């Protein structure tokens, strides 16, 4: 697959949200050893971000197979509906909706339209729009209320995992005890030698909401590793936004 296509598809999975006038959270908290798993999940749910639209400048660095790419793009989102990115001069534009993933590239006159299969294969776990959005917001990729979980404390972090791990993959969530946000989520498929790890290196508080600030994503399959670093600037919430997207005529479709 072409380099630009692979980069833009990786970006669409791993975009993350932020807000302007942010205050970085640096003070660690201490875990309450008496907090029940039910109470912990409830506290985590209270921190779910609430907004209608979001836009920002997003600096993305992708490292794979010894090569590094850095791009800054415009990012817009309408919660539960659309994720949209646009590179300078509109040479690359992408849009993700609950129905499909789409992008086009004016550098080589190509486009892609399809489902989440490639994105799922890229990160080694089955994805849909809701899971992608949760990952980008710093929320657990799986709903903690839909499975029976247990929590423990290790190194001043809560460790949350299913009481019975799934047959084909193992899930672990690490939650910060001071504000109950996800510090890391890890999904491993031992039989396929796959590992996905999303580390939320720093969070920030904006308008009484705690959101990711810096993210590191590591996707490993066999001996191949993809690493993505994200930096977010100039973000605004709840403005009137549009999401223009039309594949130019004459472009060649990419088959993945």
C-alpha atoms as a PDB file:
ATOM      1  CA  UNK A   1       0.000   0.000   0.000  1.00  0.00           C
ATOM      2  CA  UNK A   2       1.211   3.522  -0.713  1.00  0.00           C
ATOM      3  CA  UNK A   3       2.911   5.499   2.053  1.00  0.00           C
ATOM      4  CA  UNK A   4       0.443   8.396   2.111  1.00  0.00           C
ATOM      5  CA  UNK A   5      -2.509   6.021   2.227  1.00  0.00           C
ATOM      6  CA  UNK A   6      -1.107   4.094   5.163  1.00  0.00           C
ATOM      7  CA  UNK A   7      -0.261   7.278   7.047  1.00  0.00           C
ATOM      8  CA  UNK A   8      -3.658   8.878   6.616  1.00  0.00           C
ATOM      9  CA  UNK A   9      -5.519   5.716   7.636  1.00  0.00           C
ATOM     10  CA  UNK A  10      -3.402   5.421  10.766  1.00  0.00           C
ATOM     11  CA  UNK A  11      -4.140   9.045  11.574  1.00  0.00           C
ATOM     12  CA  UNK A  12      -7.886   8.547  11.238  1.00  0.00           C
ATOM     13  CA  UNK A  13      -7.806   5.822  13.858  1.00  0.00           C
ATOM     14  CA  UNK A  14      -5.580   7.609  16.294  1.00  0.00           C
ATOM     15  CA  UNK A  15      -6.753  11.221  16.324  1.00  0.00           C
ATOM     16  CA  UNK A  16      -7.401  12.532  19.830  1.00  0.00           C
ATOM     17  CA  UNK A  17      -9.290  15.430  21.374  1.00  0.00           C
ATOM     18  CA  UNK A  18      -8.126  18.508  23.295  1.00  0.00           C
ATOM     19  CA  UNK A  19      -9.393  21.967  24.277  1.00  0.00           C
ATOM     20  CA  UNK A  20      -8.034  25.518  24.350  1.00  0.00           C
ATOM     21  CA  UNK A  21      -6.868  27.395  27.464  1.00  0.00           C
ATOM     22  CA  UNK A  22      -5.831  24.099  28.949  1.00  0.00           C
ATOM     23  CA  UNK A  23      -4.138  23.478  32.273  1.00  0.00           C
ATOM     24  CA  UNK A  24      -1.868  20.451  32.309  1.00  0.00           C
ATOM     25  CA  UNK A  25      -2.523  18.098  35.214  1.00  0.00           C
ATOM     26  CA  UNK A  26       0.763  17.091  36.822  1.00  0.00           C
ATOM     27  CA  UNK A  27      -0.075  16.325  40.444  1.00  0.00           C
ATOM     28  CA  UNK A  28      -0.454  12.596  41.079  1.00  0.00           C
ATOM     29  CA  UNK A  29      -3.094  11.299  43.441  1.00  0.00           C
ATOM     30  CA  UNK A  30      -3.162   8.377  45.822  1.00  0.00           C
ATOM     31  CA  UNK A  31      -5.412   5.424  45.254  1.00  0.00           C
ATOM     32  CA  UNK A  32      -8.257   4.789  47.649  1.00  0.00           C
ATOM     33  CA  UNK A  33      -7.814   1.117  48.481  1.00  0.00           C
ATOM     34  CA  UNK A  34     -11.372   1.005  49.844  1.00  0.00           C
ATOM     35  CA  UNK A  35     -13.015   2.154  46.611  1.00  0.00           C
ATOM     36  CA  UNK A  36     -15.089  -0.647  45.114  1.00  0.00           C
ATOM     37  CA  UNK A  37     -14.930  -1.564  41.425  1.00  0.00           C
ATOM     38  CA  UNK A  38     -18.490  -0.286  40.977  1.00  0.00           C
ATOM     39  CA  UNK A  39     -17.588   3.061  42.536  1.00  0.00           C
ATOM     40  CA  UNK A  40     -14.450   3.328  40.394  1.00  0.00           C
ATOM     41  CA  UNK A  41     -16.383   2.711  37.174  1.00  0.00           C
ATOM     42  CA  UNK A  42     -18.958   5.298  38.248  1.00  0.00           C
ATOM     43  CA  UNK A  43     -16.257   7.902  38.915  1.00  0.00           C
ATOM     44  CA  UNK A  44     -14.676   7.193  35.534  1.00  0.00           C
ATOM     45  CA  UNK A  45     -18.044   7.639  33.791  1.00  0.00           C
ATOM     46  CA  UNK A  46     -18.460  11.062  35.425  1.00  0.00           C
ATOM     47  CA  UNK A  47     -15.368  12.272  33.549  1.00  0.00           C
ATOM     48  CA  UNK A  48     -16.738  11.526  30.080  1.00  0.00           C
ATOM     49  CA  UNK A  49     -16.240  14.685  27.968  1.00  0.00           C
ATOM     50  CA  UNK A  50     -19.318  16.552  26.804  1.00  0.00           C
ATOM     51  CA  UNK A  51     -19.283  18.734  23.666  1.00  0.00           C
ATOM     52  CA  UNK A  52     -21.016  19.093  20.314  1.00  0.00           C
ATOM     53  CA  UNK A  53     -18.173  20.059  17.955  1.00  0.00           C
ATOM     54  CA  UNK A  54     -14.412  20.382  18.230  1.00  0.00           C
ATOM     55  CA  UNK A  55     -11.604  21.650  16.029  1.00  0.00           C
ATOM     56  CA  UNK A  56      -7.831  21.881  16.463  1.00  0.00           C
ATOM     57  CA  UNK A  57      -4.373  21.842  14.931  1.00  0.00           C
ATOM     58  CA  UNK A  58      -2.913  18.391  15.413  1.00  0.00           C
ATOM     59  CA  UNK A  59       0.780  17.505  15.020  1.00  0.00           C
ATOM     60  CA  UNK A  60       1.237  13.819  14.282  1.00  0.00           C
ATOM     61  CA  UNK A  61       4.483  11.835  14.169  1.00  0.00           C
ATOM     62  CA  UNK A  62       4.345   8.311  12.784  1.00  0.00           C
ATOM     63  CA  UNK A  63       7.268   5.897  13.144  1.00  0.00           C
ATOM     64  CA  UNK A  64       7.269   2.584  11.280  1.00  0.00           C
ATOM     65  CA  UNK A  65       9.946   0.331   9.783  1.00  0.00           C
ATOM     66  CA  UNK A  66      12.708   2.783  10.660  1.00  0.00           C
ATOM     67  CA  UNK A  67      11.016   5.686   8.899  1.00  0.00           C
ATOM     68  CA  UNK A  68       9.425   8.738  10.494  1.00  0.00           C
ATOM     69  CA  UNK A  69       6.785  11.141   9.146  1.00  0.00           C
ATOM     70  CA  UNK A  70       5.561  14.313  10.829  1.00  0.00           C
ATOM     71  CA  UNK A  71       2.505  16.233   9.654  1.00  0.00           C
ATOM     72  CA  UNK A  72       0.319  18.977  11.052  1.00  0.00           C
ATOM     73  CA  UNK A  73      -3.357  18.786  10.038  1.00  0.00           C
ATOM     74  CA  UNK A  74      -6.624  20.517  10.771  1.00  0.00           C
ATOM     75  CA  UNK A  75      -8.988  18.323  12.725  1.00  0.00           C
ATOM     76  CA  UNK A  76     -12.736  18.699  13.236  1.00  0.00           C
ATOM     77  CA  UNK A  77     -15.214  16.471  14.998  1.00  0.00           C
ATOM     78  CA  UNK A  78     -18.930  16.315  15.561  1.00  0.00           C
ATOM     79  CA  UNK A  79     -19.459  13.990  18.472  1.00  0.00           C
ATOM     80  CA  UNK A  80     -21.035  10.625  17.592  1.00  0.00           C
ATOM     81  CA  UNK A  81     -21.231  11.613  13.904  1.00  0.00           C
ATOM     82  CA  UNK A  82     -18.025  12.685  12.126  1.00  0.00           C
ATOM     83  CA  UNK A  83     -14.243  12.819  12.407  1.00  0.00           C
ATOM     84  CA  UNK A  84     -12.605  14.979   9.705  1.00  0.00           C
ATOM     85  CA  UNK A  85      -9.020  15.956   8.870  1.00  0.00           C
ATOM     86  CA  UNK A  86      -7.533  18.226   6.240  1.00  0.00           C
ATOM     87  CA  UNK A  87      -3.840  18.613   5.379  1.00  0.00           C
ATOM     88  CA  UNK A  88      -2.410  21.975   4.234  1.00  0.00           C
ATOM     89  CA  UNK A  89      -3.717  23.120   0.851  1.00  0.00           C
ATOM     90  CA  UNK A  90      -6.267  20.271   1.045  1.00  0.00           C
ATOM     91  CA  UNK A  91      -3.832  17.857  -0.573  1.00  0.00           C
ATOM     92  CA  UNK A  92      -5.139  15.119   1.718  1.00  0.00           C
ATOM     93  CA  UNK A  93      -8.623  15.062   3.222  1.00  0.00           C
ATOM     94  CA  UNK A  94     -10.257  12.310   5.268  1.00  0.00           C
ATOM     95  CA  UNK A  95     -13.589  11.649   6.934  1.00  0.00           C
ATOM     96  CA  UNK A  96     -14.745   8.926   9.313  1.00  0.00           C
ATOM     97  CA  UNK A  97     -18.439   8.316  10.056  1.00  0.00           C
ATOM     98  CA  UNK A  98     -20.301   5.444  11.727  1.00  0.00           C
ATOM     99  CA  UNK A  99     -20.913   4.024   8.233  1.00  0.00           C
ATOM    100  CA  UNK A 100     -17.497   4.228   6.559  1.00  0.00           C
ATOM    101  CA  UNK A 101     -13.927   5.471   6.322  1.00  0.00           C
ATOM    102  CA  UNK A 102     -12.996   7.726   3.380  1.00  0.00           C
ATOM    103  CA  UNK A 103     -10.033   9.785   2.173  1.00  0.00           C
ATOM    104  CA  UNK A 104      -8.461  11.175  -0.971  1.00  0.00           C
ATOM    105  CA  UNK A 105      -4.915  12.225  -1.830  1.00  0.00           C
ATOM    106  CA  UNK A 106      -4.227  14.887  -4.446  1.00  0.00           C
ATOM    107  CA  UNK A 107      -0.510  14.075  -4.426  1.00  0.00           C
ATOM    108  CA  UNK A 108      -1.132  10.877  -6.374  1.00  0.00           C
ATOM    109  CA  UNK A 109      -4.814  11.259  -7.385  1.00  0.00           C
ATOM    110  CA  UNK A 110      -6.052   8.305  -5.331  1.00  0.00           C
ATOM    111  CA  UNK A 111      -8.950   7.721  -2.949  1.00  0.00           C
ATOM    112  CA  UNK A 112     -10.268   5.119  -0.528  1.00  0.00           C
ATOM    113  CA  UNK A 113     -13.778   4.317   0.676  1.00  0.00           C
ATOM    114  CA  UNK A 114     -14.552   1.335   2.836  1.00  0.00           C
ATOM    115  CA  UNK A 115     -15.404  -0.109   6.234  1.00  0.00           C
ATOM    116  CA  UNK A 116     -13.306  -0.479   9.372  1.00  0.00           C
ATOM    117  CA  UNK A 117     -11.599  -3.727   8.340  1.00  0.00           C
ATOM    118  CA  UNK A 118      -8.258  -2.176   7.423  1.00  0.00           C
ATOM    119  CA  UNK A 119      -8.173   0.035  10.508  1.00  0.00           C
ATOM    120  CA  UNK A 120      -8.983  -2.966  12.661  1.00  0.00           C
ATOM    121  CA  UNK A 121      -6.198  -4.992  11.064  1.00  0.00           C
ATOM    122  CA  UNK A 122      -3.759  -2.100  11.421  1.00  0.00           C
ATOM    123  CA  UNK A 123      -4.237  -1.925  15.195  1.00  0.00           C
ATOM    124  CA  UNK A 124      -4.925  -5.577  15.788  1.00  0.00           C
ATOM    125  CA  UNK A 125      -8.396  -5.249  17.322  1.00  0.00           C
ATOM    126  CA  UNK A 126     -11.903  -4.984  15.916  1.00  0.00           C
ATOM    127  CA  UNK A 127     -13.014  -1.365  15.644  1.00  0.00           C
ATOM    128  CA  UNK A 128     -16.154   0.581  14.903  1.00  0.00           C
ATOM    129  CA  UNK A 129     -16.947   4.300  15.124  1.00  0.00           C
ATOM    130  CA  UNK A 130     -17.904   4.192  18.795  1.00  0.00           C
ATOM    131  CA  UNK A 131     -14.725   2.377  19.796  1.00  0.00           C
ATOM    132  CA  UNK A 132     -12.578   4.770  17.774  1.00  0.00           C
ATOM    133  CA  UNK A 133     -14.297   7.767  19.344  1.00  0.00           C
ATOM    134  CA  UNK A 134     -13.842   6.346  22.855  1.00  0.00           C
ATOM    135  CA  UNK A 135     -10.172   5.735  22.174  1.00  0.00           C
ATOM    136  CA  UNK A 136      -9.699   9.273  20.896  1.00  0.00           C
ATOM    137  CA  UNK A 137     -11.481  10.849  23.852  1.00  0.00           C
ATOM    138  CA  UNK A 138      -9.353   8.946  26.332  1.00  0.00           C
ATOM    139  CA  UNK A 139     -12.234   6.687  27.283  1.00  0.00           C
ATOM    140  CA  UNK A 140     -12.050   2.913  27.587  1.00  0.00           C
ATOM    141  CA  UNK A 141     -12.453   1.248  24.201  1.00  0.00           C
ATOM    142  CA  UNK A 142     -14.874  -1.237  25.777  1.00  0.00           C
ATOM    143  CA  UNK A 143     -17.770  -0.091  27.968  1.00  0.00           C
ATOM    144  CA  UNK A 144     -16.921  -0.878  31.587  1.00  0.00           C
ATOM    145  CA  UNK A 145     -20.618  -1.220  32.414  1.00  0.00           C
ATOM    146  CA  UNK A 146     -21.232  -4.002  29.891  1.00  0.00           C
ATOM    147  CA  UNK A 147     -18.811  -6.599  31.307  1.00  0.00           C
ATOM    148  CA  UNK A 148     -18.047  -7.844  34.795  1.00  0.00           C
ATOM    149  CA  UNK A 149     -14.744  -6.199  35.761  1.00  0.00           C
ATOM    150  CA  UNK A 150     -12.523  -6.299  38.812  1.00  0.00           C
ATOM    151  CA  UNK A 151     -10.118  -3.627  40.038  1.00  0.00           C
ATOM    152  CA  UNK A 152      -6.922  -3.649  42.057  1.00  0.00           C
ATOM    153  CA  UNK A 153      -4.235  -1.100  42.887  1.00  0.00           C
ATOM    154  CA  UNK A 154      -0.666  -1.327  41.623  1.00  0.00           C
ATOM    155  CA  UNK A 155       1.987   1.429  41.709  1.00  0.00           C
ATOM    156  CA  UNK A 156      -0.633   4.040  42.663  1.00  0.00           C
ATOM    157  CA  UNK A 157      -2.798   3.250  39.635  1.00  0.00           C
ATOM    158  CA  UNK A 158      -6.052   1.317  39.429  1.00  0.00           C
ATOM    159  CA  UNK A 159      -5.764  -1.816  37.287  1.00  0.00           C
ATOM    160  CA  UNK A 160      -9.114  -2.760  35.785  1.00  0.00           C
ATOM    161  CA  UNK A 161      -9.614  -6.018  33.895  1.00  0.00           C
ATOM    162  CA  UNK A 162     -12.455  -8.450  33.156  1.00  0.00           C
ATOM    163  CA  UNK A 163     -13.083 -11.058  35.847  1.00  0.00           C
ATOM    164  CA  UNK A 164     -12.876 -13.527  32.987  1.00  0.00           C
ATOM    165  CA  UNK A 165     -10.641 -12.521  30.101  1.00  0.00           C
ATOM    166  CA  UNK A 166     -11.953 -13.080  26.590  1.00  0.00           C
ATOM    167  CA  UNK A 167     -10.828 -16.204  24.794  1.00  0.00           C
ATOM    168  CA  UNK A 168      -8.938 -14.519  21.975  1.00  0.00           C
ATOM    169  CA  UNK A 169      -7.540 -11.410  23.654  1.00  0.00           C
ATOM    170  CA  UNK A 170      -6.707  -9.889  27.024  1.00  0.00           C
ATOM    171  CA  UNK A 171      -7.731  -6.401  28.170  1.00  0.00           C
ATOM    172  CA  UNK A 172      -6.209  -4.135  30.815  1.00  0.00           C
ATOM    173  CA  UNK A 173      -7.087  -0.556  31.728  1.00  0.00           C
ATOM    174  CA  UNK A 174      -4.955   1.613  34.022  1.00  0.00           C
ATOM    175  CA  UNK A 175      -6.827   4.501  35.673  1.00  0.00           C
ATOM    176  CA  UNK A 176      -5.341   7.459  37.485  1.00  0.00           C
ATOM    177  CA  UNK A 177      -6.600   7.589  41.112  1.00  0.00           C
ATOM    178  CA  UNK A 178      -6.689  11.396  41.302  1.00  0.00           C
ATOM    179  CA  UNK A 179      -9.139  12.078  38.477  1.00  0.00           C
ATOM    180  CA  UNK A 180     -10.190   8.566  37.347  1.00  0.00           C
ATOM    181  CA  UNK A 181      -9.157   8.992  33.714  1.00  0.00           C
ATOM    182  CA  UNK A 182      -7.487   6.278  31.662  1.00  0.00           C
ATOM    183  CA  UNK A 183      -3.683   6.421  31.781  1.00  0.00           C
ATOM    184  CA  UNK A 184      -3.210   3.381  29.571  1.00  0.00           C
ATOM    185  CA  UNK A 185      -5.306   0.783  27.809  1.00  0.00           C
ATOM    186  CA  UNK A 186      -3.800  -2.415  26.509  1.00  0.00           C
ATOM    187  CA  UNK A 187      -5.237  -5.135  24.313  1.00  0.00           C
ATOM    188  CA  UNK A 188      -3.182  -8.256  23.627  1.00  0.00           C
ATOM    189  CA  UNK A 189      -3.829 -11.179  21.273  1.00  0.00           C
ATOM    190  CA  UNK A 190      -1.167 -13.730  22.279  1.00  0.00           C
ATOM    191  CA  UNK A 191      -2.067 -16.264  19.571  1.00  0.00           C
ATOM    192  CA  UNK A 192      -1.593 -13.665  16.837  1.00  0.00           C
ATOM    193  CA  UNK A 193       1.360 -11.951  18.539  1.00  0.00           C
ATOM    194  CA  UNK A 194      -0.493  -8.646  18.532  1.00  0.00           C
ATOM    195  CA  UNK A 195      -0.389  -5.912  21.134  1.00  0.00           C
ATOM    196  CA  UNK A 196      -2.081  -2.498  21.132  1.00  0.00           C
ATOM    197  CA  UNK A 197      -1.152   0.016  23.824  1.00  0.00           C
ATOM    198  CA  UNK A 198      -2.466   3.564  24.119  1.00  0.00           C
ATOM    199  CA  UNK A 199      -0.691   5.643  26.759  1.00  0.00           C
ATOM    200  CA  UNK A 200      -2.209   8.976  27.792  1.00  0.00           C
ATOM    201  CA  UNK A 201       1.025  10.638  28.870  1.00  0.00           C
ATOM    202  CA  UNK A 202      -0.556  13.849  30.147  1.00  0.00           C
ATOM    203  CA  UNK A 203      -4.072  15.147  30.692  1.00  0.00           C
ATOM    204  CA  UNK A 204      -5.369  18.673  30.951  1.00  0.00           C
ATOM    205  CA  UNK A 205      -8.313  20.397  32.532  1.00  0.00           C
ATOM    206  CA  UNK A 206     -10.413  22.650  30.312  1.00  0.00           C
ATOM    207  CA  UNK A 207     -13.768  24.143  31.249  1.00  0.00           C
ATOM    208  CA  UNK A 208     -14.060  21.664  34.101  1.00  0.00           C
ATOM    209  CA  UNK A 209     -13.371  18.713  31.801  1.00  0.00           C
ATOM    210  CA  UNK A 210     -10.322  16.461  31.894  1.00  0.00           C
ATOM    211  CA  UNK A 211      -9.089  15.552  28.409  1.00  0.00           C
ATOM    212  CA  UNK A 212      -5.995  13.941  26.884  1.00  0.00           C
ATOM    213  CA  UNK A 213      -3.084  16.229  26.084  1.00  0.00           C
ATOM    214  CA  UNK A 214      -0.252  13.995  24.840  1.00  0.00           C
ATOM    215  CA  UNK A 215      -0.726  10.472  23.532  1.00  0.00           C
ATOM    216  CA  UNK A 216       1.597   7.669  22.561  1.00  0.00           C
ATOM    217  CA  UNK A 217       0.185   4.719  20.653  1.00  0.00           C
ATOM    218  CA  UNK A 218       2.109   1.496  20.061  1.00  0.00           C
ATOM    219  CA  UNK A 219       0.778  -1.253  17.778  1.00  0.00           C
ATOM    220  CA  UNK A 220       2.855  -4.438  17.527  1.00  0.00           C
ATOM    221  CA  UNK A 221       2.322  -7.457  15.279  1.00  0.00           C
ATOM    222  CA  UNK A 222       4.976 -10.178  15.261  1.00  0.00           C
ATOM    223  CA  UNK A 223       8.205  -8.162  15.146  1.00  0.00           C
ATOM    224  CA  UNK A 224       6.759  -5.093  13.422  1.00  0.00           C
ATOM    225  CA  UNK A 225       5.969  -2.003  15.488  1.00  0.00           C
ATOM    226  CA  UNK A 226       4.049   1.159  14.620  1.00  0.00           C
ATOM    227  CA  UNK A 227       4.366   4.131  16.989  1.00  0.00           C
ATOM    228  CA  UNK A 228       2.268   7.281  16.823  1.00  0.00           C
ATOM    229  CA  UNK A 229       2.838  10.460  18.858  1.00  0.00           C
ATOM    230  CA  UNK A 230       0.204  13.191  19.000  1.00  0.00           C
ATOM    231  CA  UNK A 231       0.422  16.862  20.022  1.00  0.00           C
ATOM    232  CA  UNK A 232      -2.647  19.124  20.128  1.00  0.00           C
ATOM    233  CA  UNK A 233      -2.812  22.912  19.721  1.00  0.00           C
ATOM    234  CA  UNK A 234      -5.308  25.754  19.215  1.00  0.00           C
ATOM    235  CA  UNK A 235      -8.417  23.760  20.021  1.00  0.00           C
ATOM    236  CA  UNK A 236     -11.915  25.201  20.268  1.00  0.00           C
ATOM    237  CA  UNK A 237     -15.246  23.676  21.261  1.00  0.00           C
ATOM    238  CA  UNK A 238     -18.854  24.026  20.137  1.00  0.00           C
ATOM    239  CA  UNK A 239     -18.338  26.320  17.153  1.00  0.00           C
ATOM    240  CA  UNK A 240     -20.432  26.066  14.006  1.00  0.00           C
ATOM    241  CA  UNK A 241     -18.409  23.803  11.730  1.00  0.00           C
ATOM    242  CA  UNK A 242     -18.855  22.200   8.345  1.00  0.00           C
ATOM    243  CA  UNK A 243     -17.260  18.983   7.111  1.00  0.00           C
ATOM    244  CA  UNK A 244     -16.768  19.292   3.329  1.00  0.00           C
ATOM    245  CA  UNK A 245     -15.809  16.073   1.597  1.00  0.00           C
ATOM    246  CA  UNK A 246     -16.127  15.107  -2.060  1.00  0.00           C
ATOM    247  CA  UNK A 247     -13.815  12.747  -3.915  1.00  0.00           C
ATOM    248  CA  UNK A 248     -12.544  14.510  -7.057  1.00  0.00           C
ATOM    249  CA  UNK A 249     -13.514  12.975 -10.375  1.00  0.00           C
ATOM    250  CA  UNK A 250     -10.912  10.888 -12.141  1.00  0.00           C
ATOM    251  CA  UNK A 251      -9.157   9.693  -8.983  1.00  0.00           C
ATOM    252  CA  UNK A 252      -8.084   6.039  -8.773  1.00  0.00           C
ATOM    253  CA  UNK A 253      -9.564   3.878  -6.020  1.00  0.00           C
ATOM    254  CA  UNK A 254      -7.167   2.175  -3.591  1.00  0.00           C
ATOM    255  CA  UNK A 255      -8.062  -1.431  -2.807  1.00  0.00           C
ATOM    256  CA  UNK A 256      -6.937  -2.601   0.635  1.00  0.00           C
END
